[in-house]
Amino acid sequence: MLNLSHLYSQLGIMALPLLACSLITLALLIERVIQLILFSGSSHRSIKKSLAQLSKDDDQNIYLLIMSLKNRRALSAKGNAMLLAHRNFTKVLREDVAGLWLQEKRYQLRSGLRLLSLIGMISPLLGLLGTVLGLIDMFKDVAATTGSITPNILADGLGLAMRTTAIGLIIALPAISSAQLLGLWADRIFSRLEHSLNYTNLWIEGVFINDEQDLSNEALKNKERFV
């Protein structure tokens, strides 16, 4: 069990703010990693294979595919289920629905990252403030000392003051770095999600895109045709 009195003796008045920052950072890191792992399940290839075996007029099998996709945790699966469920809408209305859904999921993917960045910015300031307050207390003690000033007195005061800055930096480093890395991870998930939904939307419109090799071969044939 955390001994708050010992923590206060080591960090002074800034012990509780720094402890709160560290606990919030840890909680956000665990929550964001778990959430992104659940969201990042890649099912685009399986969806592509399923669509390749279906006709856009095969309502029964499309309904079964929608039900199957809804039960998956990956965002790409849920997004494609949503898009297929609106396949009978006009293209403009379907894209508006998908755009609103993507906006909501983008917010979910990046939720908490700004708070991590904020903690990364204020933690060193809290540590610096603790250092300044510790130095002020140290000089007060020195001024109140009537006898000789020993190095031990200065060492204790300086140690208490500098520890807060060190703890602030220790909290800030993982907070800022994780906010950036998790942001890149979220953007990658979102980019793949957009690609998957665009593919499915084209399939609904009757456009089936083959793999890159088939596309390159087709482009080569067209180039030779016009040469």
C-alpha atoms as a PDB file:
ATOM      1  CA  MET A   1       0.000   0.000   0.000  1.00  0.00           C
ATOM      2  CA  LEU A   2       1.261   3.414  -0.970  1.00  0.00           C
ATOM      3  CA  ASN A   3       2.557   5.351   2.019  1.00  0.00           C
ATOM      4  CA  LEU A   4       1.406   8.917   1.391  1.00  0.00           C
ATOM      5  CA  SER A   5       3.369  10.335   4.303  1.00  0.00           C
ATOM      6  CA  HIS A   6       6.596   8.867   2.909  1.00  0.00           C
ATOM      7  CA  LEU A   7       5.721  10.192  -0.538  1.00  0.00           C
ATOM      8  CA  TYR A   8       5.105  13.636   0.926  1.00  0.00           C
ATOM      9  CA  SER A   9       8.445  13.532   2.691  1.00  0.00           C
ATOM     10  CA  GLN A  10      10.162  12.735  -0.599  1.00  0.00           C
ATOM     11  CA  LEU A  11       8.332  15.176  -2.899  1.00  0.00           C
ATOM     12  CA  GLY A  12       6.894  17.809  -0.610  1.00  0.00           C
ATOM     13  CA  ILE A  13       3.724  19.737  -1.404  1.00  0.00           C
ATOM     14  CA  MET A  14       3.642  18.582  -5.062  1.00  0.00           C
ATOM     15  CA  ALA A  15       3.415  14.907  -4.116  1.00  0.00           C
ATOM     16  CA  LEU A  16      -0.366  14.609  -4.617  1.00  0.00           C
ATOM     17  CA  PRO A  17      -0.540  16.473  -7.977  1.00  0.00           C
ATOM     18  CA  LEU A  18       2.323  14.405  -9.384  1.00  0.00           C
ATOM     19  CA  LEU A  19       0.768  11.200  -8.056  1.00  0.00           C
ATOM     20  CA  ALA A  20      -2.547  12.099  -9.703  1.00  0.00           C
ATOM     21  CA  CYS A  21      -0.799  12.783 -13.014  1.00  0.00           C
ATOM     22  CA  SER A  22       1.019   9.456 -12.889  1.00  0.00           C
ATOM     23  CA  LEU A  23      -2.147   7.480 -12.089  1.00  0.00           C
ATOM     24  CA  ILE A  24      -4.164   9.205 -14.825  1.00  0.00           C
ATOM     25  CA  THR A  25      -1.373   8.567 -17.336  1.00  0.00           C
ATOM     26  CA  LEU A  26      -1.202   4.891 -16.436  1.00  0.00           C
ATOM     27  CA  ALA A  27      -4.990   4.483 -16.603  1.00  0.00           C
ATOM     28  CA  LEU A  28      -5.209   6.221 -19.982  1.00  0.00           C
ATOM     29  CA  LEU A  29      -2.360   4.159 -21.414  1.00  0.00           C
ATOM     30  CA  ILE A  30      -3.959   0.864 -20.399  1.00  0.00           C
ATOM     31  CA  GLU A  31      -7.418   1.916 -21.632  1.00  0.00           C
ATOM     32  CA  ARG A  32      -6.169   3.264 -24.980  1.00  0.00           C
ATOM     33  CA  VAL A  33      -4.000   0.238 -25.754  1.00  0.00           C
ATOM     34  CA  ILE A  34      -6.829  -2.194 -25.011  1.00  0.00           C
ATOM     35  CA  GLN A  35      -9.298  -0.122 -27.043  1.00  0.00           C
ATOM     36  CA  LEU A  36      -7.010   0.193 -30.061  1.00  0.00           C
ATOM     37  CA  ILE A  37      -6.205  -3.525 -29.994  1.00  0.00           C
ATOM     38  CA  LEU A  38      -9.923  -4.301 -30.109  1.00  0.00           C
ATOM     39  CA  PHE A  39     -10.517  -1.775 -32.881  1.00  0.00           C
ATOM     40  CA  SER A  40      -7.521  -2.732 -35.008  1.00  0.00           C
ATOM     41  CA  GLY A  41      -8.598  -6.261 -35.918  1.00  0.00           C
ATOM     42  CA  SER A  42      -8.029  -6.350 -39.656  1.00  0.00           C
ATOM     43  CA  SER A  43     -10.916  -7.990 -41.467  1.00  0.00           C
ATOM     44  CA  HIS A  44     -10.693  -6.203 -44.822  1.00  0.00           C
ATOM     45  CA  ARG A  45      -9.307  -9.224 -46.651  1.00  0.00           C
ATOM     46  CA  SER A  46     -11.999 -11.542 -45.374  1.00  0.00           C
ATOM     47  CA  ILE A  47     -14.661  -8.973 -46.223  1.00  0.00           C
ATOM     48  CA  LYS A  48     -13.198  -8.590 -49.690  1.00  0.00           C
ATOM     49  CA  LYS A  49     -13.322 -12.352 -50.227  1.00  0.00           C
ATOM     50  CA  SER A  50     -16.900 -12.501 -48.966  1.00  0.00           C
ATOM     51  CA  LEU A  51     -17.985  -9.707 -51.290  1.00  0.00           C
ATOM     52  CA  ALA A  52     -16.241 -11.366 -54.224  1.00  0.00           C
ATOM     53  CA  GLN A  53     -18.475 -14.398 -53.760  1.00  0.00           C
ATOM     54  CA  LEU A  54     -21.691 -12.371 -53.575  1.00  0.00           C
ATOM     55  CA  SER A  55     -23.883 -10.507 -55.988  1.00  0.00           C
ATOM     56  CA  LYS A  56     -25.144  -7.116 -54.881  1.00  0.00           C
ATOM     57  CA  ASP A  57     -28.685  -8.382 -55.528  1.00  0.00           C
ATOM     58  CA  ASP A  58     -28.234 -11.414 -53.254  1.00  0.00           C
ATOM     59  CA  ASP A  59     -30.098  -9.916 -50.307  1.00  0.00           C
ATOM     60  CA  GLN A  60     -30.235 -13.109 -48.260  1.00  0.00           C
ATOM     61  CA  ASN A  61     -26.499 -13.790 -48.221  1.00  0.00           C
ATOM     62  CA  ILE A  62     -25.728 -10.093 -47.808  1.00  0.00           C
ATOM     63  CA  TYR A  63     -27.970 -10.059 -44.732  1.00  0.00           C
ATOM     64  CA  LEU A  64     -26.090 -13.055 -43.322  1.00  0.00           C
ATOM     65  CA  LEU A  65     -22.794 -11.251 -43.983  1.00  0.00           C
ATOM     66  CA  ILE A  66     -24.088  -8.137 -42.204  1.00  0.00           C
ATOM     67  CA  MET A  67     -25.058 -10.173 -39.146  1.00  0.00           C
ATOM     68  CA  SER A  68     -21.656 -11.854 -39.133  1.00  0.00           C
ATOM     69  CA  LEU A  69     -19.809  -8.544 -39.383  1.00  0.00           C
ATOM     70  CA  LYS A  70     -21.850  -6.954 -36.594  1.00  0.00           C
ATOM     71  CA  ASN A  71     -20.634  -9.599 -34.150  1.00  0.00           C
ATOM     72  CA  ARG A  72     -16.976  -8.725 -34.743  1.00  0.00           C
ATOM     73  CA  ARG A  73     -15.102  -6.154 -32.677  1.00  0.00           C
ATOM     74  CA  ALA A  74     -12.997  -4.657 -35.462  1.00  0.00           C
ATOM     75  CA  LEU A  75     -14.125  -1.243 -36.675  1.00  0.00           C
ATOM     76  CA  SER A  76     -13.747  -2.292 -40.305  1.00  0.00           C
ATOM     77  CA  ALA A  77     -16.252  -5.108 -39.762  1.00  0.00           C
ATOM     78  CA  LYS A  78     -18.800  -2.880 -38.029  1.00  0.00           C
ATOM     79  CA  GLY A  79     -18.318  -0.139 -40.606  1.00  0.00           C
ATOM     80  CA  ASN A  80     -18.856  -2.474 -43.531  1.00  0.00           C
ATOM     81  CA  ALA A  81     -21.937  -3.938 -41.830  1.00  0.00           C
ATOM     82  CA  MET A  82     -23.319  -0.419 -41.469  1.00  0.00           C
ATOM     83  CA  LEU A  83     -22.561   0.412 -45.100  1.00  0.00           C
ATOM     84  CA  LEU A  84     -24.069  -2.804 -46.446  1.00  0.00           C
ATOM     85  CA  ALA A  85     -27.177  -2.243 -44.335  1.00  0.00           C
ATOM     86  CA  HIS A  86     -27.641   1.073 -46.195  1.00  0.00           C
ATOM     87  CA  ARG A  87     -26.881  -0.353 -49.634  1.00  0.00           C
ATOM     88  CA  ASN A  88     -30.358   0.487 -50.959  1.00  0.00           C
ATOM     89  CA  PHE A  89     -29.921   4.181 -50.165  1.00  0.00           C
ATOM     90  CA  THR A  90     -28.706   6.644 -52.760  1.00  0.00           C
ATOM     91  CA  LYS A  91     -24.945   7.040 -53.094  1.00  0.00           C
ATOM     92  CA  VAL A  92     -24.967  10.574 -51.653  1.00  0.00           C
ATOM     93  CA  LEU A  93     -27.090   9.642 -48.649  1.00  0.00           C
ATOM     94  CA  ARG A  94     -25.033   6.488 -48.027  1.00  0.00           C
ATOM     95  CA  GLU A  95     -21.808   8.508 -48.075  1.00  0.00           C
ATOM     96  CA  ASP A  96     -23.297  11.064 -45.667  1.00  0.00           C
ATOM     97  CA  VAL A  97     -24.212   8.286 -43.230  1.00  0.00           C
ATOM     98  CA  ALA A  98     -20.741   6.762 -43.553  1.00  0.00           C
ATOM     99  CA  GLY A  99     -19.134  10.179 -43.053  1.00  0.00           C
ATOM    100  CA  LEU A 100     -21.006  10.789 -39.789  1.00  0.00           C
ATOM    101  CA  TRP A 101     -20.129   7.290 -38.587  1.00  0.00           C
ATOM    102  CA  LEU A 102     -16.458   7.806 -39.449  1.00  0.00           C
ATOM    103  CA  GLN A 103     -16.410  11.120 -37.618  1.00  0.00           C
ATOM    104  CA  GLU A 104     -17.720   9.458 -34.475  1.00  0.00           C
ATOM    105  CA  LYS A 105     -15.204   6.600 -34.702  1.00  0.00           C
ATOM    106  CA  ARG A 106     -12.329   8.988 -35.298  1.00  0.00           C
ATOM    107  CA  TYR A 107     -13.239  10.733 -32.048  1.00  0.00           C
ATOM    108  CA  GLN A 108     -13.318   7.372 -30.253  1.00  0.00           C
ATOM    109  CA  LEU A 109      -9.940   6.374 -31.673  1.00  0.00           C
ATOM    110  CA  ARG A 110      -8.258   9.577 -30.523  1.00  0.00           C
ATOM    111  CA  SER A 111     -10.141   9.915 -27.239  1.00  0.00           C
ATOM    112  CA  GLY A 112      -7.847  10.604 -24.290  1.00  0.00           C
ATOM    113  CA  LEU A 113      -4.796  11.471 -26.384  1.00  0.00           C
ATOM    114  CA  ARG A 114      -5.145  15.209 -25.792  1.00  0.00           C
ATOM    115  CA  LEU A 115      -5.330  14.596 -22.060  1.00  0.00           C
ATOM    116  CA  LEU A 116      -2.128  12.541 -22.268  1.00  0.00           C
ATOM    117  CA  SER A 117      -0.413  15.388 -24.118  1.00  0.00           C
ATOM    118  CA  LEU A 118      -1.699  17.876 -21.547  1.00  0.00           C
ATOM    119  CA  ILE A 119      -0.323  15.776 -18.687  1.00  0.00           C
ATOM    120  CA  GLY A 120       2.961  15.553 -20.550  1.00  0.00           C
ATOM    121  CA  MET A 121       3.106  19.358 -20.669  1.00  0.00           C
ATOM    122  CA  ILE A 122       2.059  20.176 -17.119  1.00  0.00           C
ATOM    123  CA  SER A 123       4.006  17.442 -15.294  1.00  0.00           C
ATOM    124  CA  PRO A 124       7.430  19.106 -15.777  1.00  0.00           C
ATOM    125  CA  LEU A 125       5.880  22.426 -14.721  1.00  0.00           C
ATOM    126  CA  LEU A 126       4.516  20.842 -11.559  1.00  0.00           C
ATOM    127  CA  GLY A 127       7.943  19.357 -10.902  1.00  0.00           C
ATOM    128  CA  LEU A 128       9.606  22.718 -11.491  1.00  0.00           C
ATOM    129  CA  LEU A 129       7.131  24.396  -9.185  1.00  0.00           C
ATOM    130  CA  GLY A 130       7.916  21.807  -6.537  1.00  0.00           C
ATOM    131  CA  THR A 131      11.600  22.521  -6.981  1.00  0.00           C
ATOM    132  CA  VAL A 132      11.103  26.261  -6.540  1.00  0.00           C
ATOM    133  CA  LEU A 133       8.934  25.779  -3.461  1.00  0.00           C
ATOM    134  CA  GLY A 134      11.465  23.313  -2.060  1.00  0.00           C
ATOM    135  CA  LEU A 135      14.277  25.816  -2.526  1.00  0.00           C
ATOM    136  CA  ILE A 136      12.232  28.515  -0.826  1.00  0.00           C
ATOM    137  CA  ASP A 137      11.645  26.251   2.173  1.00  0.00           C
ATOM    138  CA  MET A 138      15.326  25.306   2.227  1.00  0.00           C
ATOM    139  CA  PHE A 139      16.452  28.940   2.336  1.00  0.00           C
ATOM    140  CA  LYS A 140      13.922  29.623   5.086  1.00  0.00           C
ATOM    141  CA  ASP A 141      15.417  26.806   7.124  1.00  0.00           C
ATOM    142  CA  VAL A 142      18.910  28.086   6.417  1.00  0.00           C
ATOM    143  CA  ALA A 143      17.910  31.608   7.488  1.00  0.00           C
ATOM    144  CA  ALA A 144      16.376  30.262  10.688  1.00  0.00           C
ATOM    145  CA  THR A 145      19.501  28.268  11.557  1.00  0.00           C
ATOM    146  CA  THR A 146      21.525  29.992  14.256  1.00  0.00           C
ATOM    147  CA  GLY A 147      24.433  27.598  14.192  1.00  0.00           C
ATOM    148  CA  SER A 148      26.797  26.637  11.426  1.00  0.00           C
ATOM    149  CA  ILE A 149      25.314  25.484   8.112  1.00  0.00           C
ATOM    150  CA  THR A 150      26.467  21.995   7.291  1.00  0.00           C
ATOM    151  CA  PRO A 151      26.454  20.383   3.835  1.00  0.00           C
ATOM    152  CA  ASN A 152      23.872  17.889   5.101  1.00  0.00           C
ATOM    153  CA  ILE A 153      21.306  20.636   5.562  1.00  0.00           C
ATOM    154  CA  LEU A 154      21.808  21.887   2.017  1.00  0.00           C
ATOM    155  CA  ALA A 155      21.891  18.365   0.576  1.00  0.00           C
ATOM    156  CA  ASP A 156      18.562  17.402   2.143  1.00  0.00           C
ATOM    157  CA  GLY A 157      16.864  20.568   0.918  1.00  0.00           C
ATOM    158  CA  LEU A 158      18.290  20.353  -2.583  1.00  0.00           C
ATOM    159  CA  GLY A 159      17.465  16.665  -2.818  1.00  0.00           C
ATOM    160  CA  LEU A 160      13.830  17.292  -1.917  1.00  0.00           C
ATOM    161  CA  ALA A 161      13.635  20.143  -4.417  1.00  0.00           C
ATOM    162  CA  MET A 162      15.252  18.326  -7.349  1.00  0.00           C
ATOM    163  CA  ARG A 163      13.262  15.104  -6.896  1.00  0.00           C
ATOM    164  CA  THR A 164      10.035  16.839  -7.935  1.00  0.00           C
ATOM    165  CA  THR A 165      11.554  17.953 -11.239  1.00  0.00           C
ATOM    166  CA  ALA A 166      12.856  14.448 -11.896  1.00  0.00           C
ATOM    167  CA  ILE A 167       9.467  12.872 -11.162  1.00  0.00           C
ATOM    168  CA  GLY A 168       7.744  15.447 -13.368  1.00  0.00           C
ATOM    169  CA  LEU A 169      10.026  14.573 -16.272  1.00  0.00           C
ATOM    170  CA  ILE A 170       9.593  10.845 -15.648  1.00  0.00           C
ATOM    171  CA  ILE A 171       5.819  11.280 -15.943  1.00  0.00           C
ATOM    172  CA  ALA A 172       6.026  13.605 -18.951  1.00  0.00           C
ATOM    173  CA  LEU A 173       8.225  11.364 -21.092  1.00  0.00           C
ATOM    174  CA  PRO A 174       5.850   8.356 -21.377  1.00  0.00           C
ATOM    175  CA  ALA A 175       2.807  10.642 -21.513  1.00  0.00           C
ATOM    176  CA  ILE A 176       4.026  12.662 -24.500  1.00  0.00           C
ATOM    177  CA  SER A 177       5.628   9.750 -26.355  1.00  0.00           C
ATOM    178  CA  SER A 178       2.625   7.470 -25.867  1.00  0.00           C
ATOM    179  CA  ALA A 179       0.236  10.214 -27.003  1.00  0.00           C
ATOM    180  CA  GLN A 180       2.179  10.543 -30.248  1.00  0.00           C
ATOM    181  CA  LEU A 181       2.575   6.788 -30.820  1.00  0.00           C
ATOM    182  CA  LEU A 182      -1.045   6.017 -29.994  1.00  0.00           C
ATOM    183  CA  GLY A 183      -2.079   8.850 -32.295  1.00  0.00           C
ATOM    184  CA  LEU A 184      -0.126   7.279 -35.155  1.00  0.00           C
ATOM    185  CA  TRP A 185      -1.694   3.915 -34.369  1.00  0.00           C
ATOM    186  CA  ALA A 186      -5.194   5.441 -34.355  1.00  0.00           C
ATOM    187  CA  ASP A 187      -4.558   7.215 -37.658  1.00  0.00           C
ATOM    188  CA  ARG A 188      -3.397   3.964 -39.233  1.00  0.00           C
ATOM    189  CA  ILE A 189      -6.552   2.161 -38.079  1.00  0.00           C
ATOM    190  CA  PHE A 190      -8.690   5.012 -39.390  1.00  0.00           C
ATOM    191  CA  SER A 191      -6.903   5.024 -42.754  1.00  0.00           C
ATOM    192  CA  ARG A 192      -7.481   1.292 -43.202  1.00  0.00           C
ATOM    193  CA  LEU A 193     -11.101   1.756 -42.155  1.00  0.00           C
ATOM    194  CA  GLU A 194     -11.631   4.442 -44.799  1.00  0.00           C
ATOM    195  CA  HIS A 195     -10.033   2.228 -47.452  1.00  0.00           C
ATOM    196  CA  SER A 196     -12.256  -0.698 -46.522  1.00  0.00           C
ATOM    197  CA  LEU A 197     -15.431   1.397 -46.604  1.00  0.00           C
ATOM    198  CA  ASN A 198     -14.493   2.944 -49.942  1.00  0.00           C
ATOM    199  CA  TYR A 199     -13.965  -0.514 -51.381  1.00  0.00           C
ATOM    200  CA  THR A 200     -17.347  -1.731 -50.132  1.00  0.00           C
ATOM    201  CA  ASN A 201     -19.062   1.418 -51.376  1.00  0.00           C
ATOM    202  CA  LEU A 202     -17.670   0.819 -54.869  1.00  0.00           C
ATOM    203  CA  TRP A 203     -18.839  -2.785 -54.690  1.00  0.00           C
ATOM    204  CA  ILE A 204     -22.353  -1.596 -53.880  1.00  0.00           C
ATOM    205  CA  GLU A 205     -22.172   0.648 -56.933  1.00  0.00           C
ATOM    206  CA  GLY A 206     -21.280  -2.364 -59.053  1.00  0.00           C
ATOM    207  CA  VAL A 207     -17.547  -1.659 -59.304  1.00  0.00           C
ATOM    208  CA  PHE A 208     -15.387  -4.606 -58.260  1.00  0.00           C
ATOM    209  CA  ILE A 209     -11.690  -3.856 -57.774  1.00  0.00           C
ATOM    210  CA  ASN A 210      -9.270  -6.711 -58.320  1.00  0.00           C
ATOM    211  CA  ASP A 211      -5.928  -6.983 -56.568  1.00  0.00           C
ATOM    212  CA  GLU A 212      -3.003  -4.777 -57.505  1.00  0.00           C
ATOM    213  CA  GLN A 213      -1.539  -7.320 -59.885  1.00  0.00           C
ATOM    214  CA  ASP A 214      -4.747  -7.454 -61.903  1.00  0.00           C
ATOM    215  CA  LEU A 215      -4.942  -3.691 -61.928  1.00  0.00           C
ATOM    216  CA  SER A 216      -1.366  -3.344 -63.129  1.00  0.00           C
ATOM    217  CA  ASN A 217      -1.989  -5.886 -65.897  1.00  0.00           C
ATOM    218  CA  GLU A 218      -5.103  -4.020 -66.969  1.00  0.00           C
ATOM    219  CA  ALA A 219      -3.217  -0.734 -66.973  1.00  0.00           C
ATOM    220  CA  LEU A 220      -0.481  -2.325 -69.073  1.00  0.00           C
ATOM    221  CA  LYS A 221      -3.023  -3.588 -71.594  1.00  0.00           C
ATOM    222  CA  ASN A 222      -4.618  -0.164 -71.838  1.00  0.00           C
ATOM    223  CA  LYS A 223      -1.203   1.427 -72.333  1.00  0.00           C
ATOM    224  CA  GLU A 224      -0.369  -0.988 -75.132  1.00  0.00           C
ATOM    225  CA  ARG A 225      -3.751  -0.331 -76.702  1.00  0.00           C
ATOM    226  CA  PHE A 226      -3.105   3.395 -76.974  1.00  0.00           C
ATOM    227  CA  VAL A 227       0.522   3.061 -78.115  1.00  0.00           C
END
